[in-house]
């Protein structure tokens, strides 16, 4: 199964590192036998959907470039 990762850290919270999210999600995908085909990143507040990575994720989803999206937490 092809999967995409969505990583986001908020500009409001200091000390966050998207690499921590990426490492855990890549490990999870590997255990599931899924192929990571795309990684989308944003370092922005979630107050609106006007985020570059988020928009790219939805554009690629519409093109069926992956089967599932993994994200570290629902608030990401």
N, C-alpha and C. Protein backbone atom coordinates (compact mmCIF):
# COMPACT_ATOMS: atom_id res chain seq x y z
N UNK A 1 0.86 -1.17 0.00
CA UNK A 1 0.00 0.00 0.00
C UNK A 1 0.90 1.24 0.00
N UNK A 2 0.53 2.21 -0.80
CA UNK A 2 1.28 3.47 -0.86
C UNK A 2 0.73 4.42 0.20
N UNK A 3 1.64 5.02 0.95
CA UNK A 3 1.19 5.96 1.97
C UNK A 3 1.95 7.28 1.87
N UNK A 4 1.30 8.31 2.36
CA UNK A 4 1.89 9.64 2.46
C UNK A 4 1.96 10.00 3.94
N UNK A 5 2.93 10.82 4.29
CA UNK A 5 3.04 11.32 5.66
C UNK A 5 2.74 12.81 5.66
N UNK A 6 2.01 13.25 6.68
CA UNK A 6 1.79 14.68 6.87
C UNK A 6 2.38 15.07 8.22
N UNK A 7 3.35 15.96 8.18
CA UNK A 7 4.04 16.42 9.38
C UNK A 7 3.74 17.90 9.57
N UNK A 8 3.35 18.28 10.78
CA UNK A 8 3.13 19.69 11.05
C UNK A 8 3.56 20.03 12.45
N UNK A 9 4.27 21.11 12.56
CA UNK A 9 4.57 21.68 13.87
C UNK A 9 4.01 23.08 13.89
N UNK A 10 3.49 23.46 15.02
CA UNK A 10 2.86 24.76 15.16
C UNK A 10 3.91 25.83 15.42
N UNK A 11 3.70 26.99 14.86
CA UNK A 11 4.59 28.12 15.14
C UNK A 11 4.34 28.65 16.55
N UNK A 12 3.21 28.25 17.16
CA UNK A 12 2.88 28.71 18.50
C UNK A 12 3.62 27.94 19.59
N UNK A 13 4.06 26.71 19.28
CA UNK A 13 4.73 25.86 20.26
C UNK A 13 6.21 25.79 19.95
N UNK A 14 7.02 26.09 20.90
CA UNK A 14 8.48 26.07 20.69
C UNK A 14 9.03 24.68 20.99
N UNK A 15 10.12 24.34 20.33
CA UNK A 15 10.81 23.09 20.63
C UNK A 15 10.27 21.88 19.89
N UNK A 16 9.29 22.04 19.04
CA UNK A 16 8.77 20.91 18.29
C UNK A 16 9.70 20.60 17.12
N UNK A 17 9.76 19.35 16.76
CA UNK A 17 10.65 18.93 15.69
C UNK A 17 9.90 17.96 14.77
N UNK A 18 9.69 18.33 13.51
CA UNK A 18 8.97 17.42 12.62
C UNK A 18 9.73 16.12 12.36
N UNK A 19 11.03 16.11 12.59
CA UNK A 19 11.81 14.89 12.38
C UNK A 19 11.34 13.78 13.32
N UNK A 20 10.98 14.12 14.56
CA UNK A 20 10.46 13.11 15.49
C UNK A 20 9.20 12.45 14.93
N UNK A 21 8.30 13.26 14.38
CA UNK A 21 7.08 12.72 13.78
C UNK A 21 7.43 11.82 12.60
N UNK A 22 8.33 12.29 11.75
CA UNK A 22 8.70 11.53 10.55
C UNK A 22 9.29 10.17 10.91
N UNK A 23 10.20 10.13 11.85
CA UNK A 23 10.84 8.87 12.22
C UNK A 23 9.82 7.86 12.72
N UNK A 24 8.89 8.30 13.56
CA UNK A 24 7.87 7.39 14.10
C UNK A 24 6.91 6.91 13.01
N UNK A 25 6.54 7.81 12.12
CA UNK A 25 5.60 7.42 11.07
C UNK A 25 6.25 6.50 10.03
N UNK A 26 7.50 6.74 9.69
CA UNK A 26 8.21 5.86 8.77
C UNK A 26 8.33 4.47 9.38
N UNK A 27 8.63 4.41 10.66
CA UNK A 27 8.72 3.12 11.35
C UNK A 27 7.37 2.40 11.33
N UNK A 28 6.30 3.13 11.62
CA UNK A 28 4.95 2.54 11.61
C UNK A 28 4.62 1.99 10.22
N UNK A 29 4.89 2.78 9.19
CA UNK A 29 4.61 2.36 7.82
C UNK A 29 5.41 1.10 7.47
N UNK A 30 6.66 1.05 7.89
CA UNK A 30 7.49 -0.11 7.63
C UNK A 30 6.95 -1.37 8.29
N UNK A 31 6.50 -1.23 9.53
CA UNK A 31 5.92 -2.40 10.23
C UNK A 31 4.65 -2.88 9.53
N UNK A 32 3.91 -1.95 8.94
CA UNK A 32 2.67 -2.31 8.25
C UNK A 32 2.94 -2.83 6.84
N UNK A 33 4.18 -2.69 6.37
CA UNK A 33 4.51 -3.13 5.02
C UNK A 33 4.12 -2.13 3.95
N UNK A 34 3.94 -0.87 4.36
CA UNK A 34 3.52 0.17 3.43
C UNK A 34 4.73 0.91 2.89
N UNK A 35 4.60 1.40 1.67
CA UNK A 35 5.65 2.18 1.02
C UNK A 35 5.34 3.67 1.19
N UNK A 36 6.27 4.41 1.77
CA UNK A 36 6.11 5.86 1.90
C UNK A 36 6.49 6.48 0.55
N UNK A 37 5.51 7.09 -0.10
CA UNK A 37 5.75 7.65 -1.44
C UNK A 37 5.81 9.18 -1.43
N UNK A 38 5.39 9.81 -0.33
CA UNK A 38 5.42 11.27 -0.26
C UNK A 38 5.41 11.72 1.19
N UNK A 39 6.10 12.82 1.45
CA UNK A 39 6.10 13.42 2.78
C UNK A 39 5.79 14.90 2.61
N UNK A 40 4.76 15.36 3.33
CA UNK A 40 4.33 16.75 3.28
C UNK A 40 4.60 17.37 4.65
N UNK A 41 5.15 18.59 4.66
CA UNK A 41 5.53 19.24 5.90
C UNK A 41 4.98 20.66 5.95
N UNK A 42 4.56 21.06 7.14
CA UNK A 42 4.17 22.44 7.39
C UNK A 42 4.70 22.85 8.75
N UNK A 43 5.20 24.06 8.83
CA UNK A 43 5.54 24.67 10.11
C UNK A 43 4.70 25.93 10.19
N UNK A 44 3.46 25.72 10.64
CA UNK A 44 2.48 26.81 10.65
C UNK A 44 1.37 26.49 11.63
N UNK A 45 0.67 27.51 12.03
CA UNK A 45 -0.49 27.35 12.87
C UNK A 45 -1.59 26.64 12.08
N UNK A 46 -2.43 25.91 12.79
CA UNK A 46 -3.54 25.20 12.14
C UNK A 46 -4.81 26.04 12.13
N UNK A 47 -4.69 27.33 12.35
CA UNK A 47 -5.88 28.19 12.43
C UNK A 47 -6.66 28.22 11.13
N UNK A 48 -5.98 27.93 10.02
CA UNK A 48 -6.71 27.84 8.75
C UNK A 48 -6.01 26.80 7.88
N UNK A 49 -6.63 26.45 6.78
CA UNK A 49 -6.09 25.43 5.89
C UNK A 49 -5.14 25.98 4.84
N UNK A 50 -4.73 27.22 4.99
CA UNK A 50 -3.86 27.86 4.00
C UNK A 50 -2.40 27.52 4.28
N UNK A 51 -2.07 26.22 4.14
CA UNK A 51 -0.72 25.75 4.39
C UNK A 51 -0.23 25.01 3.15
N UNK A 52 0.99 25.30 2.74
CA UNK A 52 1.54 24.77 1.49
C UNK A 52 1.52 23.24 1.45
N UNK A 53 2.05 22.60 2.49
CA UNK A 53 2.09 21.14 2.53
C UNK A 53 0.71 20.52 2.54
N UNK A 54 -0.20 21.12 3.29
CA UNK A 54 -1.57 20.64 3.40
C UNK A 54 -2.27 20.69 2.03
N UNK A 55 -2.08 21.79 1.32
CA UNK A 55 -2.68 21.95 -0.01
C UNK A 55 -2.09 20.93 -1.00
N UNK A 56 -0.78 20.72 -0.93
CA UNK A 56 -0.13 19.76 -1.82
C UNK A 56 -0.62 18.34 -1.53
N UNK A 57 -0.81 18.03 -0.26
CA UNK A 57 -1.34 16.72 0.15
C UNK A 57 -2.70 16.48 -0.50
N UNK A 58 -3.59 17.45 -0.41
CA UNK A 58 -4.93 17.29 -0.98
C UNK A 58 -4.89 17.22 -2.50
N UNK A 59 -4.02 17.99 -3.12
CA UNK A 59 -3.90 17.94 -4.59
C UNK A 59 -3.44 16.55 -5.04
N UNK A 60 -2.46 15.99 -4.34
CA UNK A 60 -1.96 14.67 -4.71
C UNK A 60 -2.96 13.57 -4.36
N UNK A 61 -3.72 13.76 -3.29
CA UNK A 61 -4.77 12.79 -2.95
C UNK A 61 -5.81 12.74 -4.07
N UNK A 62 -6.15 13.89 -4.63
CA UNK A 62 -7.12 13.93 -5.72
C UNK A 62 -6.61 13.21 -6.96
N UNK A 63 -5.29 13.12 -7.08
CA UNK A 63 -4.68 12.42 -8.22
C UNK A 63 -4.40 10.95 -7.90
N UNK A 64 -4.84 10.49 -6.72
CA UNK A 64 -4.69 9.09 -6.30
C UNK A 64 -3.22 8.66 -6.27
N UNK A 65 -2.34 9.51 -5.78
CA UNK A 65 -0.92 9.19 -5.73
C UNK A 65 -0.56 8.30 -4.53
N UNK A 66 -1.49 8.14 -3.62
CA UNK A 66 -1.27 7.27 -2.46
C UNK A 66 -2.62 6.75 -1.98
N UNK A 67 -2.56 5.72 -1.14
CA UNK A 67 -3.78 5.07 -0.65
C UNK A 67 -4.20 5.53 0.74
N UNK A 68 -3.24 5.96 1.53
CA UNK A 68 -3.52 6.31 2.92
C UNK A 68 -2.57 7.43 3.35
N UNK A 69 -3.02 8.23 4.31
CA UNK A 69 -2.20 9.30 4.88
C UNK A 69 -1.96 8.98 6.35
N UNK A 70 -0.72 9.07 6.76
CA UNK A 70 -0.37 8.90 8.18
C UNK A 70 -0.02 10.26 8.75
N UNK A 71 -0.48 10.52 9.96
CA UNK A 71 -0.12 11.73 10.67
C UNK A 71 0.07 11.37 12.12
N UNK A 72 0.89 12.14 12.81
CA UNK A 72 1.34 11.80 14.14
C UNK A 72 0.23 11.98 15.20
N UNK A 73 -0.59 13.00 15.04
CA UNK A 73 -1.64 13.27 16.01
C UNK A 73 -2.80 13.98 15.31
N UNK A 74 -4.01 13.80 15.80
CA UNK A 74 -5.17 14.43 15.16
C UNK A 74 -5.06 15.95 15.12
N UNK A 75 -4.35 16.54 16.07
CA UNK A 75 -4.24 18.00 16.07
C UNK A 75 -3.08 18.47 15.18
N UNK A 76 -2.43 17.60 14.48
CA UNK A 76 -1.35 17.97 13.57
C UNK A 76 -1.96 18.26 12.23
